[in-house]
PDB file of N, CA and C in Angstrom:
ATOM      1  N   MET A   1      20.996  26.648  -4.045  1.00  0.00           N
ATOM      2  CA  MET A   1      20.023  25.900  -3.795  1.00  0.00           C
ATOM      3  C   MET A   1      18.447  27.237  -4.355  1.00  0.00           C
ATOM      4  N   GLU A   2      18.173  26.489  -6.119  1.00  0.00           N
ATOM      5  CA  GLU A   2      16.566  27.865  -5.878  1.00  0.00           C
ATOM      6  C   GLU A   2      15.764  27.272  -4.913  1.00  0.00           C
ATOM      7  N   GLN A   3      14.903  28.889  -4.831  1.00  0.00           N
ATOM      8  CA  GLN A   3      14.306  28.506  -4.070  1.00  0.00           C
ATOM      9  C   GLN A   3      13.061  29.519  -4.601  1.00  0.00           C
ATOM     10  N   HIS A   4      12.266  28.078  -4.617  1.00  0.00           N
ATOM     11  CA  HIS A   4      10.276  28.029  -5.401  1.00  0.00           C
ATOM     12  C   HIS A   4       9.792  28.414  -4.427  1.00  0.00           C
ATOM     13  N   PRO A   5       8.370  29.857  -4.311  1.00  0.00           N
ATOM     14  CA  PRO A   5       7.128  29.126  -3.991  1.00  0.00           C
ATOM     15  C   PRO A   5       6.275  27.813  -3.547  1.00  0.00           C
ATOM     16  N   ALA A   6       5.532  27.939  -2.530  1.00  0.00           N
ATOM     17  CA  ALA A   6       4.635  26.745  -2.362  1.00  0.00           C
ATOM     18  C   ALA A   6       4.318  26.143  -3.535  1.00  0.00           C
ATOM     19  N   ALA A   7       3.797  27.175  -4.057  1.00  0.00           N
ATOM     20  CA  ALA A   7       2.728  26.425  -5.506  1.00  0.00           C
ATOM     21  C   ALA A   7       3.278  25.754  -6.366  1.00  0.00           C
ATOM     22  N   ALA A   8       4.572  26.868  -6.614  1.00  0.00           N
ATOM     23  CA  ALA A   8       5.777  26.218  -7.800  1.00  0.00           C
ATOM     24  C   ALA A   8       6.144  23.861  -6.976  1.00  0.00           C
ATOM     25  N   TRP A   9       6.237  24.851  -6.494  1.00  0.00           N
ATOM     26  CA  TRP A   9       7.020  23.118  -5.288  1.00  0.00           C
ATOM     27  C   TRP A   9       5.741  21.877  -5.362  1.00  0.00           C
ATOM     28  N   LEU A  10       4.225  22.284  -4.973  1.00  0.00           N
ATOM     29  CA  LEU A  10       3.991  21.557  -4.995  1.00  0.00           C
ATOM     30  C   LEU A  10       3.399  20.813  -7.121  1.00  0.00           C
ATOM     31  N   THR A  11       3.683  21.456  -7.262  1.00  0.00           N
ATOM     32  CA  THR A  11       3.204  21.429  -8.645  1.00  0.00           C
ATOM     33  C   THR A  11       4.753  20.388  -9.849  1.00  0.00           C
ATOM     34  N   GLU A  12       5.503  21.063  -8.908  1.00  0.00           N
ATOM     35  CA  GLU A  12       6.521  19.719  -9.337  1.00  0.00           C
ATOM     36  C   GLU A  12       6.604  18.340  -8.925  1.00  0.00           C
ATOM     37  N   ALA A  13       5.884  18.582  -6.996  1.00  0.00           N
ATOM     38  CA  ALA A  13       5.904  17.273  -6.890  1.00  0.00           C
ATOM     39  C   ALA A  13       4.882  16.207  -7.608  1.00  0.00           C
ATOM     40  N   ALA A  14       3.757  17.248  -7.921  1.00  0.00           N
ATOM     41  CA  ALA A  14       2.660  16.510  -8.758  1.00  0.00           C
ATOM     42  C   ALA A  14       3.244  15.773  -9.658  1.00  0.00           C
ATOM     43  N   GLY A  15       3.893  16.549 -10.234  1.00  0.00           N
ATOM     44  CA  GLY A  15       4.402  16.028 -12.083  1.00  0.00           C
ATOM     45  C   GLY A  15       5.463  14.670 -11.749  1.00  0.00           C
ATOM     46  N   ALA A  16       6.472  15.000 -11.092  1.00  0.00           N
ATOM     47  CA  ALA A  16       7.322  14.087 -10.412  1.00  0.00           C
ATOM     48  C   ALA A  16       6.538  12.464 -10.094  1.00  0.00           C
ATOM     49  N   ALA A  17       5.412  12.237  -8.974  1.00  0.00           N
ATOM     50  CA  ALA A  17       4.439  11.819  -8.521  1.00  0.00           C
ATOM     51  C   ALA A  17       3.919  11.539 -10.191  1.00  0.00           C
ATOM     52  N   GLN A  18       3.240  12.120 -10.891  1.00  0.00           N
ATOM     53  CA  GLN A  18       2.723  11.367 -11.765  1.00  0.00           C
ATOM     54  C   GLN A  18       3.885  10.530 -12.961  1.00  0.00           C
ATOM     55  N   GLN A  19       4.409  10.881 -13.144  1.00  0.00           N
ATOM     56  CA  GLN A  19       5.720   9.962 -13.732  1.00  0.00           C
ATOM     57  C   GLN A  19       6.425   9.112 -13.833  1.00  0.00           C
ATOM     58  N   GLN A  20       6.153   8.690 -12.524  1.00  0.00           N
ATOM     59  CA  GLN A  20       6.520   7.451 -11.727  1.00  0.00           C
ATOM     60  C   GLN A  20       5.495   6.475 -11.869  1.00  0.00           C
ATOM     61  N   GLY A  21       4.236   6.808 -12.729  1.00  0.00           N
ATOM     62  CA  GLY A  21       3.694   5.531 -13.262  1.00  0.00           C
ATOM     63  C   GLY A  21       3.136   4.649 -12.653  1.00  0.00           C
ATOM     64  N   ALA A  22       2.349   3.379 -12.487  1.00  0.00           N
ATOM     65  CA  ALA A  22       1.789   2.258 -11.928  1.00  0.00           C
ATOM     66  C   ALA A  22       2.632   1.996 -11.280  1.00  0.00           C
ATOM     67  N   GLY A  23       3.895   2.727 -10.475  1.00  0.00           N
ATOM     68  CA  GLY A  23       4.623   1.973  -9.224  1.00  0.00           C
ATOM     69  C   GLY A  23       3.601   2.243  -8.003  1.00  0.00           C
ATOM     70  N   ASN A  24       3.276   2.766  -7.883  1.00  0.00           N
ATOM     71  CA  ASN A  24       2.662   2.851  -6.290  1.00  0.00           C
ATOM     72  C   ASN A  24       1.246   2.278  -6.033  1.00  0.00           C
ATOM     73  N   LEU A  25       0.207   2.242  -7.263  1.00  0.00           N
ATOM     74  CA  LEU A  25      -0.830   1.519  -7.474  1.00  0.00           C
ATOM     75  C   LEU A  25      -0.313  -0.052  -7.508  1.00  0.00           C
ATOM     76  N   LEU A  26       0.779  -0.636  -7.987  1.00  0.00           N
ATOM     77  CA  LEU A  26       0.936  -1.730  -7.853  1.00  0.00           C
ATOM     78  C   LEU A  26       1.436  -2.515  -6.297  1.00  0.00           C
ATOM     79  N   ARG A  27       2.148  -1.492  -5.578  1.00  0.00           N
ATOM     80  CA  ARG A  27       2.921  -1.303  -4.452  1.00  0.00           C
ATOM     81  C   ARG A  27       1.642  -1.427  -3.137  1.00  0.00           C
ATOM     82  N   VAL A  28       0.169  -0.782  -3.494  1.00  0.00           N
ATOM     83  CA  VAL A  28      -1.024  -1.188  -2.638  1.00  0.00           C
ATOM     84  C   VAL A  28      -1.902  -1.727  -3.251  1.00  0.00           C
ATOM     85  N   VAL A  29      -2.079  -2.607  -4.596  1.00  0.00           N
ATOM     86  CA  VAL A  29      -1.946  -3.773  -4.570  1.00  0.00           C
ATOM     87  C   VAL A  29      -1.092  -5.223  -4.175  1.00  0.00           C
ATOM     88  N   LEU A  30       0.319  -5.202  -3.558  1.00  0.00           N
ATOM     89  CA  LEU A  30       0.393  -5.912  -3.587  1.00  0.00           C
ATOM     90  C   LEU A  30       0.353  -6.203  -1.607  1.00  0.00           C
ATOM     91  N   ILE A  31       0.656  -5.071  -1.359  1.00  0.00           N
ATOM     92  CA  ILE A  31       0.027  -4.729   0.045  1.00  0.00           C
ATOM     93  C   ILE A  31      -1.146  -5.230   0.781  1.00  0.00           C
ATOM     94  N   VAL A  32      -2.262  -5.104   0.003  1.00  0.00           N
ATOM     95  CA  VAL A  32      -3.708  -5.908  -0.177  1.00  0.00           C
ATOM     96  C   VAL A  32      -3.665  -7.108  -0.458  1.00  0.00           C
ATOM     97  N   MET A  33      -2.948  -7.579  -1.357  1.00  0.00           N
ATOM     98  CA  MET A  33      -2.849  -8.835  -1.197  1.00  0.00           C
ATOM     99  C   MET A  33      -2.589 -10.136  -0.340  1.00  0.00           C
ATOM    100  N   ILE A  34      -1.816  -9.136  -0.133  1.00  0.00           N
ATOM    101  CA  ILE A  34      -0.386  -9.948   1.562  1.00  0.00           C
ATOM    102  C   ILE A  34      -1.688  -9.711   2.226  1.00  0.00           C
ATOM    103  N   LEU A  35      -2.236  -9.196   2.836  1.00  0.00           N
ATOM    104  CA  LEU A  35      -2.837  -8.213   3.954  1.00  0.00           C
ATOM    105  C   LEU A  35      -4.021  -9.318   3.999  1.00  0.00           C
ATOM    106  N   GLY A  36      -4.330  -9.644   2.480  1.00  0.00           N
ATOM    107  CA  GLY A  36      -6.023 -10.260   2.436  1.00  0.00           C
ATOM    108  C   GLY A  36      -5.517 -12.244   2.608  1.00  0.00           C
ATOM    109  N   CYS A  37      -4.222 -12.084   2.475  1.00  0.00           N
ATOM    110  CA  CYS A  37      -4.069 -13.628   2.079  1.00  0.00           C
ATOM    111  C   CYS A  37      -3.754 -14.492   4.079  1.00  0.00           C
ATOM    112  N   VAL A  38      -3.116 -13.295   4.490  1.00  0.00           N
ATOM    113  CA  VAL A  38      -3.046 -13.540   6.095  1.00  0.00           C
ATOM    114  C   VAL A  38      -3.767 -13.679   6.492  1.00  0.00           C
ATOM    115  N   LEU A  39      -4.792 -12.557   6.194  1.00  0.00           N
ATOM    116  CA  LEU A  39      -6.030 -12.651   6.531  1.00  0.00           C
ATOM    117  C   LEU A  39      -7.238 -14.263   6.451  1.00  0.00           C
ATOM    118  N   THR A  40      -7.607 -14.793   5.226  1.00  0.00           N
ATOM    119  CA  THR A  40      -7.812 -15.631   5.239  1.00  0.00           C
ATOM    120  C   THR A  40      -7.398 -16.727   6.191  1.00  0.00           C
ATOM    121  N   ALA A  41      -6.250 -16.645   5.531  1.00  0.00           N
ATOM    122  CA  ALA A  41      -5.224 -18.407   6.779  1.00  0.00           C
ATOM    123  C   ALA A  41      -5.918 -17.894   7.918  1.00  0.00           C
ATOM    124  N   TRP A  42      -5.560 -16.681   8.405  1.00  0.00           N
ATOM    125  CA  TRP A  42      -5.704 -16.390  10.518  1.00  0.00           C
ATOM    126  C   TRP A  42      -7.315 -17.147  10.336  1.00  0.00           C
ATOM    127  N   PHE A  43      -8.323 -16.311   9.640  1.00  0.00           N
ATOM    128  CA  PHE A  43     -10.049 -16.924   9.684  1.00  0.00           C
ATOM    129  C   PHE A  43     -10.116 -18.337   9.246  1.00  0.00           C
ATOM    130  N   LEU A  44      -9.232 -19.049   8.109  1.00  0.00           N
ATOM    131  CA  LEU A  44      -9.416 -20.411   7.932  1.00  0.00           C
ATOM    132  C   LEU A  44      -8.841 -21.356   9.377  1.00  0.00           C
ATOM    133  N   LEU A  45      -7.398 -20.516   9.826  1.00  0.00           N
ATOM    134  CA  LEU A  45      -7.143 -21.759  10.437  1.00  0.00           C
ATOM    135  C   LEU A  45      -6.944 -21.573  12.049  1.00  0.00           C
ATOM    136  N   ARG A  46      -8.058 -20.498  12.268  1.00  0.00           N
ATOM    137  CA  ARG A  46      -8.337 -20.178  13.750  1.00  0.00           C
ATOM    138  C   ARG A  46      -9.260 -21.426  14.129  1.00  0.00           C
ATOM    139  N   GLY A  47     -10.312 -21.711  12.845  1.00  0.00           N
ATOM    140  CA  GLY A  47     -10.876 -23.378  13.437  1.00  0.00           C
ATOM    141  C   GLY A  47     -10.631 -24.085  14.527  1.00  0.00           C
ATOM    142  N   TYR A  48      -9.308 -24.997  13.947  1.00  0.00           N
ATOM    143  CA  TYR A  48      -8.096 -25.718  14.282  1.00  0.00           C
ATOM    144  C   TYR A  48      -8.169 -26.083  15.227  1.00  0.00           C
ATOM    145  N   LYS A  49      -7.830 -24.681  16.809  1.00  0.00           N
ATOM    146  CA  LYS A  49      -7.529 -24.373  18.038  1.00  0.00           C
ATOM    147  C   LYS A  49      -9.083 -24.953  18.888  1.00  0.00           C
ATOM    148  N   ARG A  50      -9.659 -26.018  18.115  1.00  0.00           N
ATOM    149  CA  ARG A  50     -10.521 -26.221  18.752  1.00  0.00           C
ATOM    150  C   ARG A  50     -10.296 -27.037  20.388  1.00  0.00           C
ATOM    151  N   LYS A  51     -10.557 -26.863  21.463  1.00  0.00           N
ATOM    152  CA  LYS A  51     -10.719 -28.090  22.994  1.00  0.00           C
ATOM    153  C   LYS A  51     -11.082 -29.315  21.926  1.00  0.00           C
ATOM    154  N   ASP A  52     -10.443 -30.727  22.351  1.00  0.00           N
ATOM    155  CA  ASP A  52     -11.601 -31.888  22.694  1.00  0.00           C
ATOM    156  C   ASP A  52     -11.549 -32.359  23.963  1.00  0.00           C
ATOM    157  N   ASP A  53     -12.482 -31.371  24.695  1.00  0.00           N
ATOM    158  CA  ASP A  53     -13.134 -32.277  26.373  1.00  0.00           C
ATOM    159  C   ASP A  53     -13.371 -33.218  26.449  1.00  0.00           C
TER     160      ASP A  53
END
């Protein structure tokens, strides 16, 4: 295994991240959408728990 200085390793890691494309962005967008749907459903459905005394 070849040894690299820290700066070279960081450069290679940044290059590998850029080659992936929109994969990370798409994951973030999907997670935010799912969390938004869950929070919206919770907010809307919590009103149905009223007690009818």
